[in-house]
PDB file of N, CA and C in Angstrom:
ATOM      1  N   MET A   1      25.962 -22.541   3.248  1.00  0.00           N
ATOM      2  CA  MET A   1      25.515 -23.380   2.173  1.00  0.00           C
ATOM      3  C   MET A   1      24.213 -22.823   1.590  1.00  0.00           C
ATOM      4  N   ALA A   2      24.146 -22.705   0.299  1.00  0.00           N
ATOM      5  CA  ALA A   2      22.964 -22.168  -0.374  1.00  0.00           C
ATOM      6  C   ALA A   2      21.820 -23.185  -0.331  1.00  0.00           C
ATOM      7  N   ILE A   3      20.604 -22.665  -0.305  1.00  0.00           N
ATOM      8  CA  ILE A   3      19.431 -23.537  -0.345  1.00  0.00           C
ATOM      9  C   ILE A   3      18.867 -23.537  -1.764  1.00  0.00           C
ATOM     10  N   THR A   4      18.168 -24.598  -2.096  1.00  0.00           N
ATOM     11  CA  THR A   4      17.545 -24.711  -3.414  1.00  0.00           C
ATOM     12  C   THR A   4      16.236 -23.920  -3.430  1.00  0.00           C
ATOM     13  N   ASP A   5      15.699 -23.696  -4.623  1.00  0.00           N
ATOM     14  CA  ASP A   5      14.402 -23.027  -4.736  1.00  0.00           C
ATOM     15  C   ASP A   5      13.325 -23.809  -3.977  1.00  0.00           C
ATOM     16  N   PHE A   6      13.352 -25.135  -4.102  1.00  0.00           N
ATOM     17  CA  PHE A   6      12.375 -25.975  -3.411  1.00  0.00           C
ATOM     18  C   PHE A   6      12.484 -25.788  -1.893  1.00  0.00           C
ATOM     19  N   GLU A   7      13.715 -25.839  -1.365  1.00  0.00           N
ATOM     20  CA  GLU A   7      13.918 -25.652   0.083  1.00  0.00           C
ATOM     21  C   GLU A   7      13.471 -24.262   0.518  1.00  0.00           C
ATOM     22  N   PHE A   8      13.787 -23.265  -0.293  1.00  0.00           N
ATOM     23  CA  PHE A   8      13.382 -21.889   0.016  1.00  0.00           C
ATOM     24  C   PHE A   8      11.865 -21.812   0.178  1.00  0.00           C
ATOM     25  N   HIS A   9      11.127 -22.316  -0.805  1.00  0.00           N
ATOM     26  CA  HIS A   9       9.661 -22.244  -0.735  1.00  0.00           C
ATOM     27  C   HIS A   9       9.117 -23.052   0.436  1.00  0.00           C
ATOM     28  N   GLN A  10       9.698 -24.195   0.686  1.00  0.00           N
ATOM     29  CA  GLN A  10       9.252 -25.024   1.807  1.00  0.00           C
ATOM     30  C   GLN A  10       9.457 -24.280   3.138  1.00  0.00           C
ATOM     31  N   LEU A  11      10.621 -23.684   3.324  1.00  0.00           N
ATOM     32  CA  LEU A  11      10.927 -22.954   4.560  1.00  0.00           C
ATOM     33  C   LEU A  11      10.019 -21.736   4.740  1.00  0.00           C
ATOM     34  N   VAL A  12       9.826 -20.975   3.671  1.00  0.00           N
ATOM     35  CA  VAL A  12       8.994 -19.771   3.782  1.00  0.00           C
ATOM     36  C   VAL A  12       7.527 -20.145   3.960  1.00  0.00           C
ATOM     37  N   ASP A  13       7.071 -21.176   3.275  1.00  0.00           N
ATOM     38  CA  ASP A  13       5.687 -21.617   3.468  1.00  0.00           C
ATOM     39  C   ASP A  13       5.437 -22.028   4.918  1.00  0.00           C
ATOM     40  N   GLU A  14       6.413 -22.674   5.543  1.00  0.00           N
ATOM     41  CA  GLU A  14       6.291 -23.047   6.960  1.00  0.00           C
ATOM     42  C   GLU A  14       6.177 -21.805   7.836  1.00  0.00           C
ATOM     43  N   ILE A  15       6.966 -20.791   7.538  1.00  0.00           N
ATOM     44  CA  ILE A  15       6.905 -19.544   8.320  1.00  0.00           C
ATOM     45  C   ILE A  15       5.560 -18.856   8.117  1.00  0.00           C
ATOM     46  N   PHE A  16       5.102 -18.779   6.868  1.00  0.00           N
ATOM     47  CA  PHE A  16       3.796 -18.185   6.602  1.00  0.00           C
ATOM     48  C   PHE A  16       2.712 -18.927   7.384  1.00  0.00           C
ATOM     49  N   GLN A  17       2.769 -20.254   7.406  1.00  0.00           N
ATOM     50  CA  GLN A  17       1.774 -21.049   8.129  1.00  0.00           C
ATOM     51  C   GLN A  17       1.870 -20.808   9.633  1.00  0.00           C
ATOM     52  N   THR A  18       3.075 -20.700  10.161  1.00  0.00           N
ATOM     53  CA  THR A  18       3.274 -20.409  11.590  1.00  0.00           C
ATOM     54  C   THR A  18       2.630 -19.082  11.959  1.00  0.00           C
ATOM     55  N   ILE A  19       2.848 -18.060  11.142  1.00  0.00           N
ATOM     56  CA  ILE A  19       2.268 -16.739  11.399  1.00  0.00           C
ATOM     57  C   ILE A  19       0.746 -16.812  11.307  1.00  0.00           C
ATOM     58  N   ASP A  20       0.230 -17.445  10.272  1.00  0.00           N
ATOM     59  CA  ASP A  20      -1.214 -17.573  10.088  1.00  0.00           C
ATOM     60  C   ASP A  20      -1.856 -18.302  11.266  1.00  0.00           C
ATOM     61  N   ASN A  21      -1.248 -19.402  11.705  1.00  0.00           N
ATOM     62  CA  ASN A  21      -1.785 -20.160  12.847  1.00  0.00           C
ATOM     63  C   ASN A  21      -1.806 -19.309  14.113  1.00  0.00           C
ATOM     64  N   ALA A  22      -0.730 -18.573  14.371  1.00  0.00           N
ATOM     65  CA  ALA A  22      -0.656 -17.735  15.577  1.00  0.00           C
ATOM     66  C   ALA A  22      -1.704 -16.622  15.532  1.00  0.00           C
ATOM     67  N   ILE A  23      -1.944 -16.076  14.360  1.00  0.00           N
ATOM     68  CA  ILE A  23      -2.964 -15.029  14.239  1.00  0.00           C
ATOM     69  C   ILE A  23      -4.357 -15.607  14.443  1.00  0.00           C
ATOM     70  N   GLU A  24      -4.597 -16.808  13.938  1.00  0.00           N
ATOM     71  CA  GLU A  24      -5.898 -17.451  14.166  1.00  0.00           C
ATOM     72  C   GLU A  24      -6.160 -17.641  15.659  1.00  0.00           C
ATOM     73  N   VAL A  25      -5.149 -18.028  16.407  1.00  0.00           N
ATOM     74  CA  VAL A  25      -5.277 -18.168  17.859  1.00  0.00           C
ATOM     75  C   VAL A  25      -5.590 -16.813  18.485  1.00  0.00           C
ATOM     76  N   LEU A  26      -4.893 -15.782  18.027  1.00  0.00           N
ATOM     77  CA  LEU A  26      -5.109 -14.428  18.531  1.00  0.00           C
ATOM     78  C   LEU A  26      -6.541 -13.970  18.273  1.00  0.00           C
ATOM     79  N   ILE A  27      -7.049 -14.247  17.095  1.00  0.00           N
ATOM     80  CA  ILE A  27      -8.421 -13.874  16.748  1.00  0.00           C
ATOM     81  C   ILE A  27      -9.407 -14.621  17.644  1.00  0.00           C
ATOM     82  N   ASP A  28      -9.184 -15.916  17.826  1.00  0.00           N
ATOM     83  CA  ASP A  28     -10.085 -16.726  18.655  1.00  0.00           C
ATOM     84  C   ASP A  28     -10.053 -16.311  20.119  1.00  0.00           C
ATOM     85  N   GLU A  29      -8.851 -16.072  20.662  1.00  0.00           N
ATOM     86  CA  GLU A  29      -8.711 -15.801  22.098  1.00  0.00           C
ATOM     87  C   GLU A  29      -8.984 -14.352  22.469  1.00  0.00           C
ATOM     88  N   GLN A  30      -8.645 -13.412  21.581  1.00  0.00           N
ATOM     89  CA  GLN A  30      -8.759 -11.995  21.933  1.00  0.00           C
ATOM     90  C   GLN A  30      -9.740 -11.239  21.043  1.00  0.00           C
ATOM     91  N   ASP A  31     -10.426 -11.961  20.160  1.00  0.00           N
ATOM     92  CA  ASP A  31     -11.345 -11.331  19.221  1.00  0.00           C
ATOM     93  C   ASP A  31     -10.658 -10.167  18.495  1.00  0.00           C
ATOM     94  N   ALA A  32      -9.412 -10.388  18.114  1.00  0.00           N
ATOM     95  CA  ALA A  32      -8.618  -9.349  17.452  1.00  0.00           C
ATOM     96  C   ALA A  32      -9.131  -9.118  16.039  1.00  0.00           C
ATOM     97  N   ASP A  33      -9.033  -7.869  15.593  1.00  0.00           N
ATOM     98  CA  ASP A  33      -9.452  -7.498  14.239  1.00  0.00           C
ATOM     99  C   ASP A  33      -8.244  -7.565  13.311  1.00  0.00           C
ATOM    100  N   VAL A  34      -8.000  -8.764  12.778  1.00  0.00           N
ATOM    101  CA  VAL A  34      -6.866  -8.996  11.890  1.00  0.00           C
ATOM    102  C   VAL A  34      -7.368  -9.749  10.662  1.00  0.00           C
ATOM    103  N   ASP A  35      -7.043  -9.207   9.492  1.00  0.00           N
ATOM    104  CA  ASP A  35      -7.331  -9.901   8.245  1.00  0.00           C
ATOM    105  C   ASP A  35      -6.031 -10.450   7.697  1.00  0.00           C
ATOM    106  N   VAL A  36      -6.042 -11.715   7.324  1.00  0.00           N
ATOM    107  CA  VAL A  36      -4.868 -12.366   6.748  1.00  0.00           C
ATOM    108  C   VAL A  36      -5.205 -12.734   5.309  1.00  0.00           C
ATOM    109  N   ASP A  37      -4.341 -12.284   4.394  1.00  0.00           N
ATOM    110  CA  ASP A  37      -4.540 -12.596   2.984  1.00  0.00           C
ATOM    111  C   ASP A  37      -3.258 -13.190   2.428  1.00  0.00           C
ATOM    112  N   GLY A  38      -3.283 -14.494   2.212  1.00  0.00           N
ATOM    113  CA  GLY A  38      -2.141 -15.173   1.616  1.00  0.00           C
ATOM    114  C   GLY A  38      -2.429 -15.451   0.158  1.00  0.00           C
ATOM    115  N   SER A  39      -1.624 -14.883  -0.690  1.00  0.00           N
ATOM    116  CA  SER A  39      -1.848 -15.027  -2.124  1.00  0.00           C
ATOM    117  C   SER A  39      -0.509 -15.164  -2.831  1.00  0.00           C
ATOM    118  N   GLY A  40      -0.254 -16.346  -3.380  1.00  0.00           N
ATOM    119  CA  GLY A  40       1.003 -16.553  -4.099  1.00  0.00           C
ATOM    120  C   GLY A  40       2.211 -16.378  -3.207  1.00  0.00           C
ATOM    121  N   ASN A  41       3.050 -15.435  -3.539  1.00  0.00           N
ATOM    122  CA  ASN A  41       4.287 -15.198  -2.791  1.00  0.00           C
ATOM    123  C   ASN A  41       4.149 -14.119  -1.731  1.00  0.00           C
ATOM    124  N   VAL A  42       2.914 -13.719  -1.416  1.00  0.00           N
ATOM    125  CA  VAL A  42       2.691 -12.598  -0.496  1.00  0.00           C
ATOM    126  C   VAL A  42       1.762 -13.021   0.637  1.00  0.00           C
ATOM    127  N   LEU A  43       2.117 -12.605   1.849  1.00  0.00           N
ATOM    128  CA  LEU A  43       1.246 -12.742   3.018  1.00  0.00           C
ATOM    129  C   LEU A  43       1.009 -11.331   3.540  1.00  0.00           C
ATOM    130  N   GLN A  44      -0.270 -10.912   3.516  1.00  0.00           N
ATOM    131  CA  GLN A  44      -0.613  -9.565   3.928  1.00  0.00           C
ATOM    132  C   GLN A  44      -1.433  -9.621   5.214  1.00  0.00           C
ATOM    133  N   LEU A  45      -1.032  -8.846   6.197  1.00  0.00           N
ATOM    134  CA  LEU A  45      -1.728  -8.776   7.482  1.00  0.00           C
ATOM    135  C   LEU A  45      -2.280  -7.364   7.640  1.00  0.00           C
ATOM    136  N   GLU A  46      -3.571  -7.260   7.910  1.00  0.00           N
ATOM    137  CA  GLU A  46      -4.178  -5.945   8.114  1.00  0.00           C
ATOM    138  C   GLU A  46      -4.813  -5.903   9.491  1.00  0.00           C
ATOM    139  N   PHE A  47      -4.499  -4.851  10.239  1.00  0.00           N
ATOM    140  CA  PHE A  47      -4.942  -4.708  11.623  1.00  0.00           C
ATOM    141  C   PHE A  47      -5.949  -3.568  11.733  1.00  0.00           C
ATOM    142  N   ASN A  48      -7.114  -3.880  12.281  1.00  0.00           N
ATOM    143  CA  ASN A  48      -8.171  -2.890  12.511  1.00  0.00           C
ATOM    144  C   ASN A  48      -8.525  -2.112  11.251  1.00  0.00           C
ATOM    145  N   GLY A  49      -8.277  -2.689  10.091  1.00  0.00           N
ATOM    146  CA  GLY A  49      -8.614  -2.020   8.837  1.00  0.00           C
ATOM    147  C   GLY A  49      -7.772  -0.814   8.514  1.00  0.00           C
ATOM    148  N   THR A  50      -6.696  -0.582   9.275  1.00  0.00           N
ATOM    149  CA  THR A  50      -5.921   0.647   9.076  1.00  0.00           C
ATOM    150  C   THR A  50      -4.431   0.433   8.858  1.00  0.00           C
ATOM    151  N   SER A  51      -3.877  -0.596   9.424  1.00  0.00           N
ATOM    152  CA  SER A  51      -2.427  -0.799   9.414  1.00  0.00           C
ATOM    153  C   SER A  51      -2.109  -2.140   8.762  1.00  0.00           C
ATOM    154  N   LYS A  52      -1.095  -2.151   7.866  1.00  0.00           N
ATOM    155  CA  LYS A  52      -0.735  -3.383   7.169  1.00  0.00           C
ATOM    156  C   LYS A  52       0.734  -3.740   7.371  1.00  0.00           C
ATOM    157  N   ILE A  53       0.967  -5.041   7.365  1.00  0.00           N
ATOM    158  CA  ILE A  53       2.311  -5.598   7.262  1.00  0.00           C
ATOM    159  C   ILE A  53       2.266  -6.544   6.068  1.00  0.00           C
ATOM    160  N   VAL A  54       3.253  -6.415   5.183  1.00  0.00           N
ATOM    161  CA  VAL A  54       3.301  -7.244   3.980  1.00  0.00           C
ATOM    162  C   VAL A  54       4.605  -8.036   4.000  1.00  0.00           C
ATOM    163  N   ILE A  55       4.471  -9.347   3.792  1.00  0.00           N
ATOM    164  CA  ILE A  55       5.626 -10.249   3.772  1.00  0.00           C
ATOM    165  C   ILE A  55       5.669 -10.885   2.384  1.00  0.00           C
ATOM    166  N   ASN A  56       6.810 -10.762   1.724  1.00  0.00           N
ATOM    167  CA  ASN A  56       6.972 -11.270   0.357  1.00  0.00           C
ATOM    168  C   ASN A  56       8.078 -12.297   0.291  1.00  0.00           C
ATOM    169  N   LYS A  57       7.846 -13.323  -0.514  1.00  0.00           N
ATOM    170  CA  LYS A  57       8.920 -14.247  -0.895  1.00  0.00           C
ATOM    171  C   LYS A  57       9.671 -13.603  -2.058  1.00  0.00           C
ATOM    172  N   GLN A  58      10.971 -13.513  -1.950  1.00  0.00           N
ATOM    173  CA  GLN A  58      11.796 -13.031  -3.052  1.00  0.00           C
ATOM    174  C   GLN A  58      12.642 -14.197  -3.537  1.00  0.00           C
ATOM    175  N   GLU A  59      12.036 -15.025  -4.404  1.00  0.00           N
ATOM    176  CA  GLU A  59      12.675 -16.263  -4.842  1.00  0.00           C
ATOM    177  C   GLU A  59      14.037 -16.048  -5.501  1.00  0.00           C
ATOM    178  N   PRO A  60      14.190 -15.077  -6.404  1.00  0.00           N
ATOM    179  CA  PRO A  60      15.499 -14.947  -7.065  1.00  0.00           C
ATOM    180  C   PRO A  60      16.651 -14.714  -6.080  1.00  0.00           C
ATOM    181  N   LEU A  61      16.345 -14.048  -4.971  1.00  0.00           N
ATOM    182  CA  LEU A  61      17.373 -13.749  -3.964  1.00  0.00           C
ATOM    183  C   LEU A  61      17.351 -14.726  -2.785  1.00  0.00           C
ATOM    184  N   HIS A  62      16.328 -15.592  -2.740  1.00  0.00           N
ATOM    185  CA  HIS A  62      16.108 -16.480  -1.592  1.00  0.00           C
ATOM    186  C   HIS A  62      16.033 -15.666  -0.301  1.00  0.00           C
ATOM    187  N   GLU A  63      15.221 -14.618  -0.340  1.00  0.00           N
ATOM    188  CA  GLU A  63      15.028 -13.758   0.822  1.00  0.00           C
ATOM    189  C   GLU A  63      13.536 -13.620   1.118  1.00  0.00           C
ATOM    190  N   ILE A  64      13.256 -13.215   2.359  1.00  0.00           N
ATOM    191  CA  ILE A  64      11.918 -12.802   2.763  1.00  0.00           C
ATOM    192  C   ILE A  64      11.992 -11.294   2.967  1.00  0.00           C
ATOM    193  N   TRP A  65      11.083 -10.572   2.327  1.00  0.00           N
ATOM    194  CA  TRP A  65      11.028  -9.128   2.506  1.00  0.00           C
ATOM    195  C   TRP A  65       9.820  -8.795   3.363  1.00  0.00           C
ATOM    196  N   LEU A  66      10.029  -7.876   4.298  1.00  0.00           N
ATOM    197  CA  LEU A  66       9.001  -7.476   5.240  1.00  0.00           C
ATOM    198  C   LEU A  66       8.812  -5.970   5.142  1.00  0.00           C
ATOM    199  N   ALA A  67       7.567  -5.545   4.907  1.00  0.00           N
ATOM    200  CA  ALA A  67       7.249  -4.115   4.865  1.00  0.00           C
ATOM    201  C   ALA A  67       6.324  -3.795   6.031  1.00  0.00           C
ATOM    202  N   THR A  68       6.749  -2.831   6.858  1.00  0.00           N
ATOM    203  CA  THR A  68       5.963  -2.376   8.002  1.00  0.00           C
ATOM    204  C   THR A  68       5.779  -0.865   7.889  1.00  0.00           C
ATOM    205  N   GLN A  69       5.043  -0.283   8.831  1.00  0.00           N
ATOM    206  CA  GLN A  69       4.911   1.178   8.875  1.00  0.00           C
ATOM    207  C   GLN A  69       6.265   1.842   9.101  1.00  0.00           C
ATOM    208  N   PHE A  70       7.190   1.102   9.648  1.00  0.00           N
ATOM    209  CA  PHE A  70       8.463   1.680  10.082  1.00  0.00           C
ATOM    210  C   PHE A  70       9.592   1.483   9.078  1.00  0.00           C
ATOM    211  N   GLY A  71       9.345   0.697   8.026  1.00  0.00           N
ATOM    212  CA  GLY A  71      10.385   0.494   7.024  1.00  0.00           C
ATOM    213  C   GLY A  71      10.309  -0.872   6.376  1.00  0.00           C
ATOM    214  N   GLY A  72      11.253  -1.100   5.484  1.00  0.00           N
ATOM    215  CA  GLY A  72      11.348  -2.365   4.784  1.00  0.00           C
ATOM    216  C   GLY A  72      12.585  -3.122   5.219  1.00  0.00           C
ATOM    217  N   TYR A  73      12.474  -4.448   5.289  1.00  0.00           N
ATOM    218  CA  TYR A  73      13.557  -5.280   5.813  1.00  0.00           C
ATOM    219  C   TYR A  73      13.710  -6.514   4.930  1.00  0.00           C
ATOM    220  N   HIS A  74      14.943  -6.965   4.786  1.00  0.00           N
ATOM    221  CA  HIS A  74      15.244  -8.140   3.964  1.00  0.00           C
ATOM    222  C   HIS A  74      15.905  -9.193   4.844  1.00  0.00           C
ATOM    223  N   PHE A  75      15.374 -10.416   4.798  1.00  0.00           N
ATOM    224  CA  PHE A  75      15.872 -11.504   5.629  1.00  0.00           C
ATOM    225  C   PHE A  75      16.389 -12.631   4.745  1.00  0.00           C
ATOM    226  N   ALA A  76      17.610 -13.078   5.015  1.00  0.00           N
ATOM    227  CA  ALA A  76      18.231 -14.182   4.285  1.00  0.00           C
ATOM    228  C   ALA A  76      18.395 -15.363   5.233  1.00  0.00           C
ATOM    229  N   TYR A  77      18.393 -16.557   4.677  1.00  0.00           N
ATOM    230  CA  TYR A  77      18.540 -17.774   5.470  1.00  0.00           C
ATOM    231  C   TYR A  77      20.027 -18.015   5.733  1.00  0.00           C
ATOM    232  N   VAL A  78      20.432 -17.815   6.986  1.00  0.00           N
ATOM    233  CA  VAL A  78      21.840 -17.907   7.362  1.00  0.00           C
ATOM    234  C   VAL A  78      21.968 -18.841   8.565  1.00  0.00           C
ATOM    235  N   ASP A  79      22.734 -19.903   8.419  1.00  0.00           N
ATOM    236  CA  ASP A  79      22.978 -20.845   9.520  1.00  0.00           C
ATOM    237  C   ASP A  79      21.688 -21.322  10.182  1.00  0.00           C
ATOM    238  N   GLY A  80      20.680 -21.632   9.355  1.00  0.00           N
ATOM    239  CA  GLY A  80      19.437 -22.188   9.873  1.00  0.00           C
ATOM    240  C   GLY A  80      18.453 -21.178  10.425  1.00  0.00           C
ATOM    241  N   LYS A  81      18.713 -19.879  10.230  1.00  0.00           N
ATOM    242  CA  LYS A  81      17.814 -18.832  10.723  1.00  0.00           C
ATOM    243  C   LYS A  81      17.613 -17.782   9.643  1.00  0.00           C
ATOM    244  N   TRP A  82      16.436 -17.163   9.653  1.00  0.00           N
ATOM    245  CA  TRP A  82      16.162 -16.039   8.760  1.00  0.00           C
ATOM    246  C   TRP A  82      16.623 -14.769   9.463  1.00  0.00           C
ATOM    247  N   MET A  83      17.669 -14.143   8.921  1.00  0.00           N
ATOM    248  CA  MET A  83      18.299 -12.991   9.575  1.00  0.00           C
ATOM    249  C   MET A  83      18.335 -11.783   8.652  1.00  0.00           C
ATOM    250  N   ASP A  84      18.147 -10.607   9.238  1.00  0.00           N
ATOM    251  CA  ASP A  84      18.362  -9.346   8.522  1.00  0.00           C
ATOM    252  C   ASP A  84      19.814  -8.970   8.774  1.00  0.00           C
ATOM    253  N   GLU A  85      20.630  -9.105   7.742  1.00  0.00           N
ATOM    254  CA  GLU A  85      22.066  -8.890   7.913  1.00  0.00           C
ATOM    255  C   GLU A  85      22.417  -7.426   8.149  1.00  0.00           C
ATOM    256  N   ARG A  86      21.516  -6.498   7.846  1.00  0.00           N
ATOM    257  CA  ARG A  86      21.790  -5.081   8.102  1.00  0.00           C
ATOM    258  C   ARG A  86      21.744  -4.752   9.590  1.00  0.00           C
ATOM    259  N   ASN A  87      20.763  -5.351  10.291  1.00  0.00           N
ATOM    260  CA  ASN A  87      20.597  -4.976  11.699  1.00  0.00           C
ATOM    261  C   ASN A  87      20.640  -6.154  12.665  1.00  0.00           C
ATOM    262  N   GLY A  88      20.822  -7.369  12.155  1.00  0.00           N
ATOM    263  CA  GLY A  88      20.980  -8.539  13.019  1.00  0.00           C
ATOM    264  C   GLY A  88      19.704  -9.095  13.608  1.00  0.00           C
ATOM    265  N   ASN A  89      18.550  -8.622  13.142  1.00  0.00           N
ATOM    266  CA  ASN A  89      17.278  -9.135  13.665  1.00  0.00           C
ATOM    267  C   ASN A  89      16.941 -10.489  13.060  1.00  0.00           C
ATOM    268  N   GLU A  90      16.375 -11.356  13.900  1.00  0.00           N
ATOM    269  CA  GLU A  90      15.854 -12.629  13.421  1.00  0.00           C
ATOM    270  C   GLU A  90      14.390 -12.427  13.023  1.00  0.00           C
ATOM    271  N   PHE A  91      13.965 -13.079  11.949  1.00  0.00           N
ATOM    272  CA  PHE A  91      12.678 -12.799  11.331  1.00  0.00           C
ATOM    273  C   PHE A  91      11.473 -12.915  12.268  1.00  0.00           C
ATOM    274  N   LEU A  92      11.206 -14.091  12.816  1.00  0.00           N
ATOM    275  CA  LEU A  92       9.963 -14.269  13.592  1.00  0.00           C
ATOM    276  C   LEU A  92       9.867 -13.343  14.805  1.00  0.00           C
ATOM    277  N   PRO A  93      10.920 -13.215  15.630  1.00  0.00           N
ATOM    278  CA  PRO A  93      10.814 -12.256  16.734  1.00  0.00           C
ATOM    279  C   PRO A  93      10.581 -10.819  16.247  1.00  0.00           C
ATOM    280  N   PHE A  94      11.180 -10.482  15.103  1.00  0.00           N
ATOM    281  CA  PHE A  94      10.991  -9.135  14.556  1.00  0.00           C
ATOM    282  C   PHE A  94       9.560  -8.940  14.065  1.00  0.00           C
ATOM    283  N   VAL A  95       8.962  -9.978  13.464  1.00  0.00           N
ATOM    284  CA  VAL A  95       7.561  -9.893  13.040  1.00  0.00           C
ATOM    285  C   VAL A  95       6.658  -9.705  14.264  1.00  0.00           C
ATOM    286  N   VAL A  96       6.897 -10.469  15.309  1.00  0.00           N
ATOM    287  CA  VAL A  96       6.100 -10.337  16.541  1.00  0.00           C
ATOM    288  C   VAL A  96       6.196  -8.910  17.084  1.00  0.00           C
ATOM    289  N   GLU A  97       7.415  -8.371  17.126  1.00  0.00           N
ATOM    290  CA  GLU A  97       7.636  -7.003  17.610  1.00  0.00           C
ATOM    291  C   GLU A  97       6.932  -5.979  16.696  1.00  0.00           C
ATOM    292  N   SER A  98       7.018  -6.181  15.397  1.00  0.00           N
ATOM    293  CA  SER A  98       6.394  -5.255  14.451  1.00  0.00           C
ATOM    294  C   SER A  98       4.874  -5.264  14.581  1.00  0.00           C
ATOM    295  N   ILE A  99       4.296  -6.456  14.742  1.00  0.00           N
ATOM    296  CA  ILE A  99       2.846  -6.554  14.929  1.00  0.00           C
ATOM    297  C   ILE A  99       2.420  -5.834  16.200  1.00  0.00           C
ATOM    298  N   PHE A 100       3.187  -6.002  17.260  1.00  0.00           N
ATOM    299  CA  PHE A 100       2.873  -5.328  18.522  1.00  0.00           C
ATOM    300  C   PHE A 100       2.959  -3.807  18.363  1.00  0.00           C
ATOM    301  N   LYS A 101       4.006  -3.319  17.710  1.00  0.00           N
ATOM    302  CA  LYS A 101       4.166  -1.871  17.509  1.00  0.00           C
ATOM    303  C   LYS A 101       3.024  -1.282  16.694  1.00  0.00           C
ATOM    304  N   GLN A 102       2.574  -2.015  15.678  1.00  0.00           N
ATOM    305  CA  GLN A 102       1.549  -1.485  14.785  1.00  0.00           C
ATOM    306  C   GLN A 102       0.135  -1.679  15.292  1.00  0.00           C
ATOM    307  N   SER A 103      -0.093  -2.712  16.100  1.00  0.00           N
ATOM    308  CA  SER A 103      -1.483  -3.022  16.466  1.00  0.00           C
ATOM    309  C   SER A 103      -1.726  -3.133  17.968  1.00  0.00           C
ATOM    310  N   GLY A 104      -0.652  -3.264  18.744  1.00  0.00           N
ATOM    311  CA  GLY A 104      -0.819  -3.494  20.173  1.00  0.00           C
ATOM    312  C   GLY A 104      -1.121  -4.954  20.500  1.00  0.00           C
ATOM    313  N   LEU A 105      -1.148  -5.812  19.486  1.00  0.00           N
ATOM    314  CA  LEU A 105      -1.459  -7.227  19.687  1.00  0.00           C
ATOM    315  C   LEU A 105      -0.175  -8.021  19.909  1.00  0.00           C
ATOM    316  N   LYS A 106      -0.213  -8.925  20.889  1.00  0.00           N
ATOM    317  CA  LYS A 106       0.944  -9.751  21.221  1.00  0.00           C
ATOM    318  C   LYS A 106       0.750 -11.133  20.629  1.00  0.00           C
ATOM    319  N   LEU A 107       1.510 -11.420  19.574  1.00  0.00           N
ATOM    320  CA  LEU A 107       1.455 -12.714  18.911  1.00  0.00           C
ATOM    321  C   LEU A 107       2.343 -13.683  19.653  1.00  0.00           C
ATOM    322  N   ASP A 108       1.857 -14.905  19.855  1.00  0.00           N
ATOM    323  CA  ASP A 108       2.616 -15.917  20.569  1.00  0.00           C
ATOM    324  C   ASP A 108       3.158 -16.943  19.576  1.00  0.00           C
ATOM    325  N   ILE A 109       4.422 -16.755  19.196  1.00  0.00           N
ATOM    326  CA  ILE A 109       5.073 -17.697  18.259  1.00  0.00           C
ATOM    327  C   ILE A 109       6.249 -18.322  18.970  1.00  0.00           C
TER     328      ILE A 109
END
């Protein structure tokens, strides 16, 4: 079943907030060097001033796009989960794994 634009933004905003909250905990507990910049449809994470992960809302497609050092990924909302249909990865666990690969930081989501 397709989601509406309103539902899409609500779901993605919740995910952006979940990531932001987890990073704030990481900064507080581990004094991690992470900058979070949420602006419009983009959430940008920068680690140690050198490595970035960019997460974009793609409203026309109702997808979340993720750009890491290792490649770009597209996640669609399927059966209540954000999934990358090319490789079967679920969004949040994949973000946690990507952050760990790029920064060595373990995000607890």
